[in-house]
Amino acid sequence: MKNIISGYFSKSRISVAKIALLCTIITPAVVPSANAAETAFASPAPGALKIGDSYGGGKVAYLYQSGDEGYVAGQAHGLIASKQDLGSGTTWDKAVKICQQHKSGGFSDWRLPNKAELNRLYVNRSAIGGFKDHHYYWSSSESDKNDAWDQSFRTGVQNLGYKLDNNYVRAVRTF
């Protein structure tokens, strides 16, 4: 290799050529992540999104505000809801699995909303759209092995529901 390089370059350029060749050999190839869609979205600027906008595989359901866990000054972060219900007449265990298997927009971090997040969906239901007004929706918040919190989308009341009851399902993810 030294003879090939020295035939084309002066001594000072030979060192540069060796370093460049060495870097090419040592530097690993950049492999896109399995969840490329999850890293494709940079955090939008504050004010760039509003509740109900299509974004991140669903609809913006809530934007974090100062004091919220996950709030970062100068960045927009929040909660995204799936564009439609993922189930109706579904037990709690099945609802959890349906949300975990949801892959809308190439994202794989969908889940059943906790009790507080479900209430945010209720409050912003008109802007998000597609909810059934006279039905209950599951949350991931459990009381014990038999009960989990659900919420009426007619009255907004949250109750403990028996996990074998049949409620509606709407997945969420954060951004």
C-alpha atoms as a PDB file:
ATOM      1  CA  MET A   1       0.000   0.000   0.000  1.00  0.00           C
ATOM      2  CA  LYS A   2       2.881   2.357   0.813  1.00  0.00           C
ATOM      3  CA  ASN A   3       4.247   2.025  -2.750  1.00  0.00           C
ATOM      4  CA  ILE A   4       0.868   2.745  -4.340  1.00  0.00           C
ATOM      5  CA  ILE A   5       0.313   5.821  -2.166  1.00  0.00           C
ATOM      6  CA  SER A   6       3.880   7.178  -2.481  1.00  0.00           C
ATOM      7  CA  GLY A   7       3.688   6.980  -6.289  1.00  0.00           C
ATOM      8  CA  TYR A   8       0.826   9.474  -6.318  1.00  0.00           C
ATOM      9  CA  PHE A   9       1.442  11.730  -3.313  1.00  0.00           C
ATOM     10  CA  SER A  10       4.281  13.641  -1.642  1.00  0.00           C
ATOM     11  CA  LYS A  11       5.304  12.585   1.920  1.00  0.00           C
ATOM     12  CA  SER A  12       3.051  15.145   3.588  1.00  0.00           C
ATOM     13  CA  ARG A  13       0.094  14.068   1.496  1.00  0.00           C
ATOM     14  CA  ILE A  14       0.829  10.382   2.215  1.00  0.00           C
ATOM     15  CA  SER A  15       0.026  10.956   5.912  1.00  0.00           C
ATOM     16  CA  VAL A  16      -3.234  12.662   5.044  1.00  0.00           C
ATOM     17  CA  ALA A  17      -4.166   9.850   2.656  1.00  0.00           C
ATOM     18  CA  LYS A  18      -3.378   7.213   5.320  1.00  0.00           C
ATOM     19  CA  ILE A  19      -5.507   9.030   7.893  1.00  0.00           C
ATOM     20  CA  ALA A  20      -8.391   9.361   5.449  1.00  0.00           C
ATOM     21  CA  LEU A  21      -8.143   5.668   4.527  1.00  0.00           C
ATOM     22  CA  LEU A  22      -7.929   4.643   8.181  1.00  0.00           C
ATOM     23  CA  CYS A  23     -10.975   6.751   9.064  1.00  0.00           C
ATOM     24  CA  THR A  24     -12.934   5.179   6.225  1.00  0.00           C
ATOM     25  CA  ILE A  25     -12.097   1.692   7.464  1.00  0.00           C
ATOM     26  CA  ILE A  26     -12.708   2.378  11.164  1.00  0.00           C
ATOM     27  CA  THR A  27     -15.842   4.546  10.924  1.00  0.00           C
ATOM     28  CA  PRO A  28     -18.933   2.344  11.172  1.00  0.00           C
ATOM     29  CA  ALA A  29     -21.651   2.688   8.584  1.00  0.00           C
ATOM     30  CA  VAL A  30     -24.613   4.755   9.707  1.00  0.00           C
ATOM     31  CA  VAL A  31     -27.594   2.454   9.990  1.00  0.00           C
ATOM     32  CA  PRO A  32     -31.040   4.004  10.222  1.00  0.00           C
ATOM     33  CA  SER A  33     -32.889   3.118  13.413  1.00  0.00           C
ATOM     34  CA  ALA A  34     -35.650   0.537  13.279  1.00  0.00           C
ATOM     35  CA  ASN A  35     -38.040   3.315  14.281  1.00  0.00           C
ATOM     36  CA  ALA A  36     -36.806   5.982  11.893  1.00  0.00           C
ATOM     37  CA  ALA A  37     -40.198   7.696  11.992  1.00  0.00           C
ATOM     38  CA  GLU A  38     -39.821   8.188  15.746  1.00  0.00           C
ATOM     39  CA  THR A  39     -36.637  10.205  15.294  1.00  0.00           C
ATOM     40  CA  ALA A  40     -37.714  11.952  12.097  1.00  0.00           C
ATOM     41  CA  PHE A  41     -39.756  14.587  13.932  1.00  0.00           C
ATOM     42  CA  ALA A  42     -37.767  17.355  15.573  1.00  0.00           C
ATOM     43  CA  SER A  43     -39.632  19.214  18.274  1.00  0.00           C
ATOM     44  CA  PRO A  44     -41.738  21.915  16.623  1.00  0.00           C
ATOM     45  CA  ALA A  45     -41.469  25.492  17.785  1.00  0.00           C
ATOM     46  CA  PRO A  46     -44.026  26.692  20.325  1.00  0.00           C
ATOM     47  CA  GLY A  47     -47.113  27.960  18.531  1.00  0.00           C
ATOM     48  CA  ALA A  48     -46.443  25.818  15.444  1.00  0.00           C
ATOM     49  CA  LEU A  49     -49.082  23.291  16.521  1.00  0.00           C
ATOM     50  CA  LYS A  50     -52.542  23.576  17.979  1.00  0.00           C
ATOM     51  CA  ILE A  51     -54.900  21.032  19.481  1.00  0.00           C
ATOM     52  CA  GLY A  52     -56.613  19.057  16.716  1.00  0.00           C
ATOM     53  CA  ASP A  53     -53.729  19.353  14.221  1.00  0.00           C
ATOM     54  CA  SER A  54     -52.606  16.167  12.495  1.00  0.00           C
ATOM     55  CA  TYR A  55     -49.114  15.360  13.701  1.00  0.00           C
ATOM     56  CA  GLY A  56     -46.970  12.377  14.676  1.00  0.00           C
ATOM     57  CA  GLY A  57     -49.355   9.698  13.431  1.00  0.00           C
ATOM     58  CA  GLY A  58     -52.469  11.117  15.073  1.00  0.00           C
ATOM     59  CA  LYS A  59     -53.999  14.364  16.283  1.00  0.00           C
ATOM     60  CA  VAL A  60     -52.538  16.777  18.822  1.00  0.00           C
ATOM     61  CA  ALA A  61     -54.655  16.245  21.938  1.00  0.00           C
ATOM     62  CA  TYR A  62     -52.796  18.422  24.445  1.00  0.00           C
ATOM     63  CA  LEU A  63     -49.783  20.743  24.473  1.00  0.00           C
ATOM     64  CA  TYR A  64     -47.679  20.759  27.636  1.00  0.00           C
ATOM     65  CA  GLN A  65     -47.617  24.014  29.548  1.00  0.00           C
ATOM     66  CA  SER A  66     -45.280  25.386  32.185  1.00  0.00           C
ATOM     67  CA  GLY A  67     -45.625  23.197  35.264  1.00  0.00           C
ATOM     68  CA  ASP A  68     -46.558  20.050  33.310  1.00  0.00           C
ATOM     69  CA  GLU A  69     -44.224  17.067  33.425  1.00  0.00           C
ATOM     70  CA  GLY A  70     -42.507  16.951  30.031  1.00  0.00           C
ATOM     71  CA  TYR A  71     -42.678  20.717  29.475  1.00  0.00           C
ATOM     72  CA  VAL A  72     -39.520  22.194  27.904  1.00  0.00           C
ATOM     73  CA  ALA A  73     -39.343  25.974  27.503  1.00  0.00           C
ATOM     74  CA  GLY A  74     -38.955  26.992  23.866  1.00  0.00           C
ATOM     75  CA  GLN A  75     -40.185  23.635  22.515  1.00  0.00           C
ATOM     76  CA  ALA A  76     -43.581  22.139  21.771  1.00  0.00           C
ATOM     77  CA  HIS A  77     -44.290  18.790  23.430  1.00  0.00           C
ATOM     78  CA  GLY A  78     -47.520  17.117  24.325  1.00  0.00           C
ATOM     79  CA  LEU A  79     -49.971  14.317  23.805  1.00  0.00           C
ATOM     80  CA  ILE A  80     -51.122  12.826  20.506  1.00  0.00           C
ATOM     81  CA  ALA A  81     -54.324  10.763  20.205  1.00  0.00           C
ATOM     82  CA  SER A  82     -54.987   8.180  17.522  1.00  0.00           C
ATOM     83  CA  LYS A  83     -57.242   9.581  14.803  1.00  0.00           C
ATOM     84  CA  GLN A  84     -60.039   7.156  15.591  1.00  0.00           C
ATOM     85  CA  ASP A  85     -61.158   4.680  18.223  1.00  0.00           C
ATOM     86  CA  LEU A  86     -59.271   1.395  18.138  1.00  0.00           C
ATOM     87  CA  GLY A  87     -61.989  -0.666  19.703  1.00  0.00           C
ATOM     88  CA  SER A  88     -65.499  -0.645  21.057  1.00  0.00           C
ATOM     89  CA  GLY A  89     -66.960  -3.123  23.468  1.00  0.00           C
ATOM     90  CA  THR A  90     -63.449  -4.052  24.585  1.00  0.00           C
ATOM     91  CA  THR A  91     -62.243  -5.363  27.946  1.00  0.00           C
ATOM     92  CA  TRP A  92     -59.425  -3.528  29.714  1.00  0.00           C
ATOM     93  CA  ASP A  93     -56.755  -6.192  29.047  1.00  0.00           C
ATOM     94  CA  LYS A  94     -57.625  -6.249  25.362  1.00  0.00           C
ATOM     95  CA  ALA A  95     -57.595  -2.415  25.261  1.00  0.00           C
ATOM     96  CA  VAL A  96     -54.025  -2.347  26.633  1.00  0.00           C
ATOM     97  CA  LYS A  97     -52.871  -4.838  23.967  1.00  0.00           C
ATOM     98  CA  ILE A  98     -54.667  -3.051  21.108  1.00  0.00           C
ATOM     99  CA  CYS A  99     -52.889   0.204  21.975  1.00  0.00           C
ATOM    100  CA  GLN A 100     -49.473  -1.467  22.294  1.00  0.00           C
ATOM    101  CA  GLN A 101     -49.914  -3.055  18.852  1.00  0.00           C
ATOM    102  CA  HIS A 102     -51.030   0.173  17.171  1.00  0.00           C
ATOM    103  CA  LYS A 103     -48.453   1.491  14.642  1.00  0.00           C
ATOM    104  CA  SER A 104     -50.015   4.605  13.084  1.00  0.00           C
ATOM    105  CA  GLY A 105     -47.631   6.955  11.302  1.00  0.00           C
ATOM    106  CA  GLY A 106     -44.762   4.484  11.708  1.00  0.00           C
ATOM    107  CA  PHE A 107     -44.671   5.045  15.475  1.00  0.00           C
ATOM    108  CA  SER A 108     -44.592   2.091  17.854  1.00  0.00           C
ATOM    109  CA  ASP A 109     -44.926   3.893  21.198  1.00  0.00           C
ATOM    110  CA  TRP A 110     -48.742   4.034  21.327  1.00  0.00           C
ATOM    111  CA  ARG A 111     -50.401   3.149  24.647  1.00  0.00           C
ATOM    112  CA  LEU A 112     -53.615   3.410  26.601  1.00  0.00           C
ATOM    113  CA  PRO A 113     -53.866   6.894  28.216  1.00  0.00           C
ATOM    114  CA  ASN A 114     -53.611   7.225  31.976  1.00  0.00           C
ATOM    115  CA  LYS A 115     -56.491   8.773  33.938  1.00  0.00           C
ATOM    116  CA  ALA A 116     -55.231  12.382  33.625  1.00  0.00           C
ATOM    117  CA  GLU A 117     -54.456  12.001  29.903  1.00  0.00           C
ATOM    118  CA  LEU A 118     -57.902  10.510  29.272  1.00  0.00           C
ATOM    119  CA  ASN A 119     -59.445  13.572  30.888  1.00  0.00           C
ATOM    120  CA  ARG A 120     -57.374  15.787  28.559  1.00  0.00           C
ATOM    121  CA  LEU A 121     -58.838  13.849  25.627  1.00  0.00           C
ATOM    122  CA  TYR A 122     -62.315  14.451  27.039  1.00  0.00           C
ATOM    123  CA  VAL A 123     -61.727  18.195  27.512  1.00  0.00           C
ATOM    124  CA  ASN A 124     -60.394  18.551  23.936  1.00  0.00           C
ATOM    125  CA  ARG A 125     -62.720  15.956  22.333  1.00  0.00           C
ATOM    126  CA  SER A 126     -64.327  18.416  19.908  1.00  0.00           C
ATOM    127  CA  ALA A 127     -60.977  19.501  18.423  1.00  0.00           C
ATOM    128  CA  ILE A 128     -59.615  15.932  18.313  1.00  0.00           C
ATOM    129  CA  GLY A 129     -62.824  14.465  16.901  1.00  0.00           C
ATOM    130  CA  GLY A 130     -64.292  10.996  16.473  1.00  0.00           C
ATOM    131  CA  PHE A 131     -65.296  10.207  20.051  1.00  0.00           C
ATOM    132  CA  LYS A 132     -68.590   8.492  20.886  1.00  0.00           C
ATOM    133  CA  ASP A 133     -70.472  10.929  23.148  1.00  0.00           C
ATOM    134  CA  HIS A 134     -72.504   8.398  25.086  1.00  0.00           C
ATOM    135  CA  HIS A 135     -69.810   5.846  25.834  1.00  0.00           C
ATOM    136  CA  TYR A 136     -67.057   5.140  28.321  1.00  0.00           C
ATOM    137  CA  TYR A 137     -63.355   5.015  27.411  1.00  0.00           C
ATOM    138  CA  TRP A 138     -60.650   3.043  29.226  1.00  0.00           C
ATOM    139  CA  SER A 139     -57.617   4.538  30.943  1.00  0.00           C
ATOM    140  CA  SER A 140     -54.463   2.629  31.884  1.00  0.00           C
ATOM    141  CA  SER A 141     -54.812   3.685  35.548  1.00  0.00           C
ATOM    142  CA  GLU A 142     -55.662   0.685  37.702  1.00  0.00           C
ATOM    143  CA  SER A 143     -57.216   0.545  41.139  1.00  0.00           C
ATOM    144  CA  ASP A 144     -56.534  -3.145  41.767  1.00  0.00           C
ATOM    145  CA  LYS A 145     -56.390  -6.423  39.830  1.00  0.00           C
ATOM    146  CA  ASN A 146     -60.097  -6.180  38.989  1.00  0.00           C
ATOM    147  CA  ASP A 147     -60.738  -2.468  38.397  1.00  0.00           C
ATOM    148  CA  ALA A 148     -59.371   0.366  36.260  1.00  0.00           C
ATOM    149  CA  TRP A 149     -60.468   3.952  35.721  1.00  0.00           C
ATOM    150  CA  ASP A 150     -62.705   4.819  32.804  1.00  0.00           C
ATOM    151  CA  GLN A 151     -64.423   8.033  31.749  1.00  0.00           C
ATOM    152  CA  SER A 152     -67.835   8.870  30.368  1.00  0.00           C
ATOM    153  CA  PHE A 153     -67.575  10.965  27.218  1.00  0.00           C
ATOM    154  CA  ARG A 154     -71.147  12.111  27.777  1.00  0.00           C
ATOM    155  CA  THR A 155     -70.729  13.578  31.291  1.00  0.00           C
ATOM    156  CA  GLY A 156     -66.952  13.648  31.813  1.00  0.00           C
ATOM    157  CA  VAL A 157     -67.260  11.664  35.045  1.00  0.00           C
ATOM    158  CA  GLN A 158     -64.439   9.241  35.820  1.00  0.00           C
ATOM    159  CA  ASN A 159     -65.356   5.964  37.521  1.00  0.00           C
ATOM    160  CA  LEU A 160     -63.790   2.710  38.521  1.00  0.00           C
ATOM    161  CA  GLY A 161     -64.806   0.166  35.934  1.00  0.00           C
ATOM    162  CA  TYR A 162     -64.643  -3.590  36.176  1.00  0.00           C
ATOM    163  CA  LYS A 163     -61.862  -4.709  33.782  1.00  0.00           C
ATOM    164  CA  LEU A 164     -64.200  -7.195  32.112  1.00  0.00           C
ATOM    165  CA  ASP A 165     -66.631  -4.387  31.184  1.00  0.00           C
ATOM    166  CA  ASN A 166     -66.723  -3.351  27.542  1.00  0.00           C
ATOM    167  CA  ASN A 167     -65.542   0.213  26.837  1.00  0.00           C
ATOM    168  CA  TYR A 168     -64.116   2.185  23.937  1.00  0.00           C
ATOM    169  CA  VAL A 169     -60.384   2.541  23.284  1.00  0.00           C
ATOM    170  CA  ARG A 170     -58.322   5.504  22.070  1.00  0.00           C
ATOM    171  CA  ALA A 171     -54.505   5.213  21.976  1.00  0.00           C
ATOM    172  CA  VAL A 172     -52.089   8.021  22.813  1.00  0.00           C
ATOM    173  CA  ARG A 173     -48.377   8.769  22.523  1.00  0.00           C
ATOM    174  CA  THR A 174     -46.253  11.706  23.604  1.00  0.00           C
ATOM    175  CA  PHE A 175     -43.995  13.881  21.480  1.00  0.00           C
END
